[in-house]
Structure formats: structure tokens, C-alpha cells
């Protein structure tokens, strides 16, 4: 079974850690010959334009991280970790690690984007392209815009969709992936196969609460690392695995009655749930 991809908590952890180095000037840039094969196929020349600019602000939307620079409105960098991407910080004279596709040189440190499988995304957007990209995404899962009224209206538009499918739809709500979806549904006591039309107002209220709770717990634990995949900015593993209730667990950590966790496959993705807790 493949390890889970980085989701909102992992990207938020990286964002917070990078922010401790802001602002910093990009004094030099290194790009690999493989950067053009990363999702989106951005040319290497795009990144050359970032040299001598000052990274001033980061905005996370879902699993995307947007980088803003001082004194320019025409260059916004986007990064998405995909399946195996990571940002690592090191000393200024650190050797390039294998699969490093982009490196920024700041004062006394380097910041490197590493992606062995190259399913991530990294590139430079114009302000209009940035706006267009945001319009294609749903509200961030921690945003105040993701509220009870929004979910009720959303679910009314897709009555026959399953709950699991809508949670993973980044155009509907942004930031939730496979492991969070299972954890959210067990906390909301809802089966992943439930059609949205069958959810009552109390069900939706419980779901909204479970979304916020599950994400915030994972952020507090610095994200989830399985099988040596995700690492934070300093190469450390996340600790969310110690508090998982059903995802890749043998028995349910919520009902605590020794109930065996059930695994099913929905749209090619594993889903974990508890027959005792969820209905």
C-alpha cells in the first residue's frame, strides 16, 4: 500500500517553518534538468527571474503553497508536494541531495525542493494566473468560508455523490486527502459510502466539526509520516500516526471495543472505517 500523500497539515507545517526565515533574499538559484518534467512543465527560465527578489510572504490554500515577493506583482511561485515532494533547509554550503529540482540560496542557508517521483508542482505564476488557479479550487478546509451553509448548499448540488468522494474533491473543498478523509468520517460517525442526500443537518454539523478537529490535531502533531515519506523542513517525521483512529489501523481507536477496522476501495483509493462507530 502506498504511503499517504502530504495533505493540508503537512503543507501548513512546512509553511510555518519557512515563515521563521522570512523575509529572505534569493541570492542565487539552482535548477535541475528534471524541473521541466514536474507537473505543469514549467521552463527553467521562469525561476531565473526570481533571483535577487525577496520572499516576503507565504499563503497556503489547501495543499498549495503560494510564495510572494517584495516589489513585484508579476511573480508568484506555486508549489504542491504531490506524492513525494518536500522542502528541506540546510546550510549554505550543503551538497545537493538526489532529486533536488530547485534550490534557493538565502543568507547562511539553502532551501531545496526535492521530489523523487516528480508528481508535485512548482512554477512561477502571473497575478492573473494565480487568481485563476484559486477560482478552480474550493474553499480551504480551515477557512471560515467552509461553514455549515456552504456544505449544505454544496451537498444539495451533488445529492448522489458519496461522502468520501466529495471530501477528496479539491474543487469542492481544498486540503483534505485520503488519510484525513477516513479520520474525519469516523469522528463524524458517518460511513464513507453515504450519499450526500442522506445526510441530515446534524450529520453535516458533526462533519464540519470533525473536519476542523481532525486537521487541527494533525497540524499540532506536525503532520503524518508513513513509511519514510513526508518530512518537515528539518527532515523530521510527523507524529500524527500516534493518534490515528482508523486510517491503516487494525482496530478502531474511537469506540475502543476492539472493533476491527474495515478497508474498502473507492475510486481506486483505500478507505478505512468502523462498523461500530459509523452509520
Protein backbone atom coordinates (compact mmCIF):
# COMPACT_ATOMS: atom_id res chain seq x y z
CA UNK A 1 0.00 0.00 0.00
CA UNK A 2 1.34 3.40 -0.97
CA UNK A 3 2.10 5.88 1.84
CA UNK A 4 -0.38 8.78 2.10
CA UNK A 5 0.43 11.93 0.19
CA UNK A 6 1.07 15.21 2.03
CA UNK A 7 -2.19 16.98 2.84
CA UNK A 8 -3.15 20.29 4.42
CA UNK A 9 -1.47 19.66 7.82
CA UNK A 10 1.86 18.73 6.23
CA UNK A 11 1.86 21.81 3.97
CA UNK A 12 0.83 24.04 6.89
CA UNK A 13 3.72 22.65 8.95
CA UNK A 14 6.19 23.46 6.16
CA UNK A 15 4.67 26.93 5.73
CA UNK A 16 5.02 27.80 9.41
CA UNK A 17 8.62 26.60 9.47
CA UNK A 18 9.63 28.55 6.35
CA UNK A 19 7.97 31.68 7.74
CA UNK A 20 10.53 31.77 10.56
CA UNK A 21 13.15 32.61 7.87
CA UNK A 22 11.13 35.37 6.21
CA UNK A 23 11.87 37.75 4.71
CA UNK A 24 14.91 36.46 2.82
CA UNK A 25 16.60 37.45 -0.41
CA UNK A 26 17.13 34.80 -3.10
CA UNK A 27 20.82 35.46 -3.74
CA UNK A 28 21.23 32.51 -6.12
CA UNK A 29 19.14 29.73 -7.67
CA UNK A 30 19.94 26.19 -8.80
CA UNK A 31 17.52 24.23 -11.01
CA UNK A 32 17.79 20.64 -12.24
CA UNK A 33 17.24 19.37 -15.76
CA UNK A 34 14.17 17.50 -14.46
CA UNK A 35 12.25 20.52 -13.23
CA UNK A 36 10.50 20.87 -16.57
CA UNK A 37 9.05 17.36 -16.19
CA UNK A 38 7.34 18.21 -12.89
CA UNK A 39 3.58 18.72 -13.15
CA UNK A 40 2.85 21.75 -15.29
CA UNK A 41 6.10 21.53 -17.28
CA UNK A 42 7.43 24.95 -16.24
CA UNK A 43 10.55 26.10 -18.13
CA UNK A 44 13.75 26.60 -16.12
CA UNK A 45 13.95 30.22 -17.32
CA UNK A 46 10.91 31.09 -15.15
CA UNK A 47 12.90 30.55 -11.99
CA UNK A 48 15.84 32.70 -13.12
CA UNK A 49 13.53 35.73 -12.81
CA UNK A 50 13.31 35.15 -9.04
CA UNK A 51 16.99 35.82 -8.42
CA UNK A 52 17.60 38.84 -6.14
CA UNK A 53 13.94 39.02 -5.18
CA UNK A 54 12.91 38.93 -1.51
CA UNK A 55 10.48 36.24 -0.37
CA UNK A 56 8.11 38.23 1.84
CA UNK A 57 5.00 36.14 2.41
CA UNK A 58 3.57 32.64 2.07
CA UNK A 59 -0.10 31.80 1.62
CA UNK A 60 -1.36 28.23 1.86
CA UNK A 61 -4.59 27.24 0.15
CA UNK A 62 -5.42 23.58 0.63
CA UNK A 63 -2.33 21.62 -0.36
CA UNK A 64 -0.87 24.53 -2.37
CA UNK A 65 1.74 26.94 -1.09
CA UNK A 66 2.00 30.34 -2.81
CA UNK A 67 5.18 32.39 -2.47
CA UNK A 68 5.06 36.20 -2.73
CA UNK A 69 7.99 38.52 -3.37
CA UNK A 70 8.61 42.14 -2.40
CA UNK A 71 8.34 44.89 -5.03
CA UNK A 72 6.70 42.74 -7.67
CA UNK A 73 3.14 41.74 -8.52
CA UNK A 74 4.04 39.68 -11.57
CA UNK A 75 5.85 36.76 -9.97
CA UNK A 76 4.09 34.40 -7.57
CA UNK A 77 5.63 30.99 -7.09
CA UNK A 78 3.38 27.98 -6.55
CA UNK A 79 4.41 24.69 -5.00
CA UNK A 80 2.48 21.47 -4.37
CA UNK A 81 4.19 18.46 -2.80
CA UNK A 82 2.34 15.85 -4.85
CA UNK A 83 3.23 12.34 -3.66
CA UNK A 84 6.85 12.62 -2.62
CA UNK A 85 7.79 16.31 -2.66
CA UNK A 86 9.43 18.04 0.29
CA UNK A 87 11.14 21.31 1.20
CA UNK A 88 14.36 20.98 3.18
CA UNK A 89 16.50 23.66 4.76
CA UNK A 90 20.26 23.28 5.13
CA UNK A 91 23.49 25.20 5.49
CA UNK A 92 24.64 27.42 2.65
CA UNK A 93 27.41 25.01 1.57
CA UNK A 94 25.32 21.81 1.78
CA UNK A 95 25.71 19.49 -1.23
CA UNK A 96 22.71 18.97 -3.50
CA UNK A 97 20.75 15.90 -2.47
CA UNK A 98 19.47 13.46 -5.08
CA UNK A 99 16.20 14.55 -6.74
CA UNK A 100 16.71 18.23 -5.84
CA UNK A 101 14.91 20.21 -8.56
CA UNK A 102 15.10 23.74 -7.18
CA UNK A 103 17.30 25.40 -4.58
CA UNK A 104 17.13 28.92 -3.22
CA UNK A 105 20.22 30.37 -1.56
CA UNK A 106 19.43 32.72 1.29
CA UNK A 107 21.75 34.23 3.86
CA UNK A 108 23.63 31.34 5.51
CA UNK A 109 21.08 28.73 4.40
CA UNK A 110 19.65 26.92 1.40
CA UNK A 111 16.04 25.97 0.78
CA UNK A 112 15.60 22.98 -1.54
CA UNK A 113 12.61 21.41 -3.27
CA UNK A 114 13.15 17.64 -3.55
CA UNK A 115 10.74 15.33 -5.37
CA UNK A 116 11.83 11.79 -6.34
CA UNK A 117 8.61 10.87 -8.16
CA UNK A 118 8.07 14.32 -9.72
CA UNK A 119 4.28 14.34 -9.18
CA UNK A 120 4.47 17.67 -7.35
CA UNK A 121 4.02 21.07 -8.90
CA UNK A 122 6.33 24.06 -8.88
CA UNK A 123 6.36 27.11 -11.08
CA UNK A 124 6.02 30.88 -11.38
CA UNK A 125 2.59 32.42 -11.95
CA UNK A 126 1.45 35.85 -13.04
CA UNK A 127 -1.03 37.56 -10.73
CA UNK A 128 -3.86 36.74 -13.15
CA UNK A 129 -2.82 33.07 -13.35
CA UNK A 130 -2.73 32.96 -9.55
CA UNK A 131 -6.27 34.35 -9.36
CA UNK A 132 -7.47 31.88 -11.99
CA UNK A 133 -5.93 28.97 -10.11
CA UNK A 134 -7.66 29.94 -6.86
CA UNK A 135 -11.01 30.15 -8.67
CA UNK A 136 -10.67 26.49 -9.66
CA UNK A 137 -10.25 25.41 -6.05
CA UNK A 138 -12.86 25.12 -3.33
CA UNK A 139 -12.55 26.97 -0.03
CA UNK A 140 -9.66 25.97 2.18
CA UNK A 141 -10.74 23.36 4.72
CA UNK A 142 -9.77 25.67 7.61
CA UNK A 143 -11.26 28.80 6.07
CA UNK A 144 -14.30 30.49 7.66
CA UNK A 145 -15.88 30.16 4.20
CA UNK A 146 -16.11 26.40 4.78
CA UNK A 147 -19.14 26.64 7.05
CA UNK A 148 -22.47 24.89 7.57
CA UNK A 149 -24.28 26.93 4.93
CA UNK A 150 -21.60 26.21 2.34
CA UNK A 151 -21.66 22.45 2.98
CA UNK A 152 -25.46 22.30 2.85
CA UNK A 153 -25.52 24.12 -0.49
CA UNK A 154 -22.64 22.03 -1.86
CA UNK A 155 -24.25 18.74 -0.88
CA UNK A 156 -27.57 19.78 -2.43
CA UNK A 157 -25.77 20.17 -5.78
CA UNK A 158 -24.37 16.62 -5.69
CA UNK A 159 -27.01 14.54 -3.88
CA UNK A 160 -25.91 11.16 -5.26
CA UNK A 161 -22.19 11.57 -4.56
CA UNK A 162 -20.61 9.59 -1.77
CA UNK A 163 -19.27 11.41 1.26
CA UNK A 164 -15.72 10.17 0.67
CA UNK A 165 -15.73 11.40 -2.92
CA UNK A 166 -16.80 14.95 -2.03
CA UNK A 167 -14.19 15.19 0.73
CA UNK A 168 -11.44 14.42 -1.78
CA UNK A 169 -12.74 16.83 -4.45
CA UNK A 170 -10.37 19.80 -4.31
CA UNK A 171 -12.79 21.92 -6.36
CA UNK A 172 -15.39 21.45 -3.62
CA UNK A 173 -13.24 21.86 -0.51
CA UNK A 174 -9.50 22.12 -0.55
CA UNK A 175 -6.83 20.41 1.54
CA UNK A 176 -8.28 17.02 2.51
CA UNK A 177 -6.67 13.85 1.20
CA UNK A 178 -7.01 10.16 1.84
CA UNK A 179 -5.86 9.82 5.42
CA UNK A 180 -7.74 12.89 6.65
CA UNK A 181 -10.94 11.76 4.94
CA UNK A 182 -11.01 8.48 6.89
CA UNK A 183 -10.25 10.24 10.16
CA UNK A 184 -12.89 12.92 9.54
CA UNK A 185 -15.62 10.41 8.73
CA UNK A 186 -15.03 8.28 11.82
CA UNK A 187 -15.09 11.39 14.05
CA UNK A 188 -18.35 12.44 12.38
CA UNK A 189 -19.74 8.87 12.84
CA UNK A 190 -20.57 8.74 9.12
CA UNK A 191 -19.97 5.92 6.66
CA UNK A 192 -17.82 6.80 3.64
CA UNK A 193 -20.43 5.32 1.29
CA UNK A 194 -23.25 7.57 2.48
CA UNK A 195 -24.85 9.57 -0.31
CA UNK A 196 -24.86 13.29 0.38
CA UNK A 197 -28.65 13.46 0.06
CA UNK A 198 -28.96 11.14 3.06
CA UNK A 199 -27.07 13.46 5.42
CA UNK A 200 -29.22 15.31 7.96
CA UNK A 201 -28.44 18.81 9.28
CA UNK A 202 -26.99 17.28 12.49
CA UNK A 203 -24.85 14.96 10.33
CA UNK A 204 -23.45 17.92 8.39
CA UNK A 205 -22.81 19.84 11.61
CA UNK A 206 -20.88 16.86 13.00
CA UNK A 207 -18.96 16.58 9.75
CA UNK A 208 -17.91 20.22 9.82
CA UNK A 209 -16.73 19.86 13.41
CA UNK A 210 -14.82 16.69 12.50
CA UNK A 211 -13.09 18.42 9.58
CA UNK A 212 -11.74 21.21 11.78
CA UNK A 213 -10.83 18.86 14.66
CA UNK A 214 -9.00 16.29 12.52
CA UNK A 215 -6.98 18.89 10.64
CA UNK A 216 -6.00 20.88 13.72
CA UNK A 217 -4.94 17.73 15.59
CA UNK A 218 -2.69 16.74 12.70
CA UNK A 219 -1.18 20.24 12.44
CA UNK A 220 -0.43 20.13 16.15
CA UNK A 221 1.37 16.81 15.60
CA UNK A 222 3.42 18.28 12.69
CA UNK A 223 1.67 16.15 10.06
CA UNK A 224 1.70 12.45 9.18
CA UNK A 225 4.71 10.37 8.15
CA UNK A 226 4.22 6.80 6.93
CA UNK A 227 6.96 4.53 5.57
CA UNK A 228 9.58 7.29 5.46
CA UNK A 229 7.61 9.53 3.09
CA UNK A 230 6.75 13.07 4.28
CA UNK A 231 9.36 15.03 6.23
CA UNK A 232 9.20 18.56 7.61
CA UNK A 233 11.58 21.40 6.74
CA UNK A 234 14.26 19.97 9.04
CA UNK A 235 13.90 16.37 7.87
CA UNK A 236 11.84 15.25 10.87
CA UNK A 237 8.86 12.90 10.73
CA UNK A 238 5.37 14.00 11.73
CA UNK A 239 3.67 12.47 14.77
CA UNK A 240 0.03 12.15 13.66
CA UNK A 241 0.34 8.35 13.30
CA UNK A 242 0.19 8.00 17.08
CA UNK A 243 -3.34 9.45 17.19
CA UNK A 244 -4.94 7.85 14.11
CA UNK A 245 -8.33 6.29 14.79
CA UNK A 246 -8.91 4.15 11.69
CA UNK A 247 -6.53 5.01 8.85
CA UNK A 248 -4.32 1.94 8.32
CA UNK A 249 -5.26 0.74 11.81
CA UNK A 250 -6.18 -2.82 12.84
CA UNK A 251 -8.86 -1.81 15.36
CA UNK A 252 -10.86 1.36 15.92
CA UNK A 253 -9.29 3.89 18.26
CA UNK A 254 -12.58 5.72 18.77
CA UNK A 255 -15.01 3.08 20.04
CA UNK A 256 -12.16 1.21 21.84
CA UNK A 257 -14.12 -2.03 21.84
CA UNK A 258 -11.65 -3.98 19.77
CA UNK A 259 -13.80 -3.42 16.69
CA UNK A 260 -11.87 -4.40 13.58
CA UNK A 261 -11.35 -1.60 11.07
CA UNK A 262 -12.80 -2.31 7.63
CA UNK A 263 -10.87 -1.42 4.47
CA UNK A 264 -12.67 -0.84 1.18
CA UNK A 265 -11.56 0.70 -2.13
CA UNK A 266 -13.41 3.72 -3.50
CA UNK A 267 -12.35 5.22 -6.83
CA UNK A 268 -9.02 3.38 -6.57
CA UNK A 269 -8.25 4.73 -3.06
CA UNK A 270 -8.29 2.83 0.23
CA UNK A 271 -10.90 3.89 2.76
CA UNK A 272 -10.88 2.79 6.39
CA UNK A 273 -13.92 2.81 8.66
CA UNK A 274 -15.51 1.24 11.74
CA UNK A 275 -18.87 -0.55 11.57
CA UNK A 276 -19.43 0.15 15.25
CA UNK A 277 -18.86 3.92 15.12
CA UNK A 278 -20.13 4.86 11.69
CA UNK A 279 -23.57 4.64 10.19
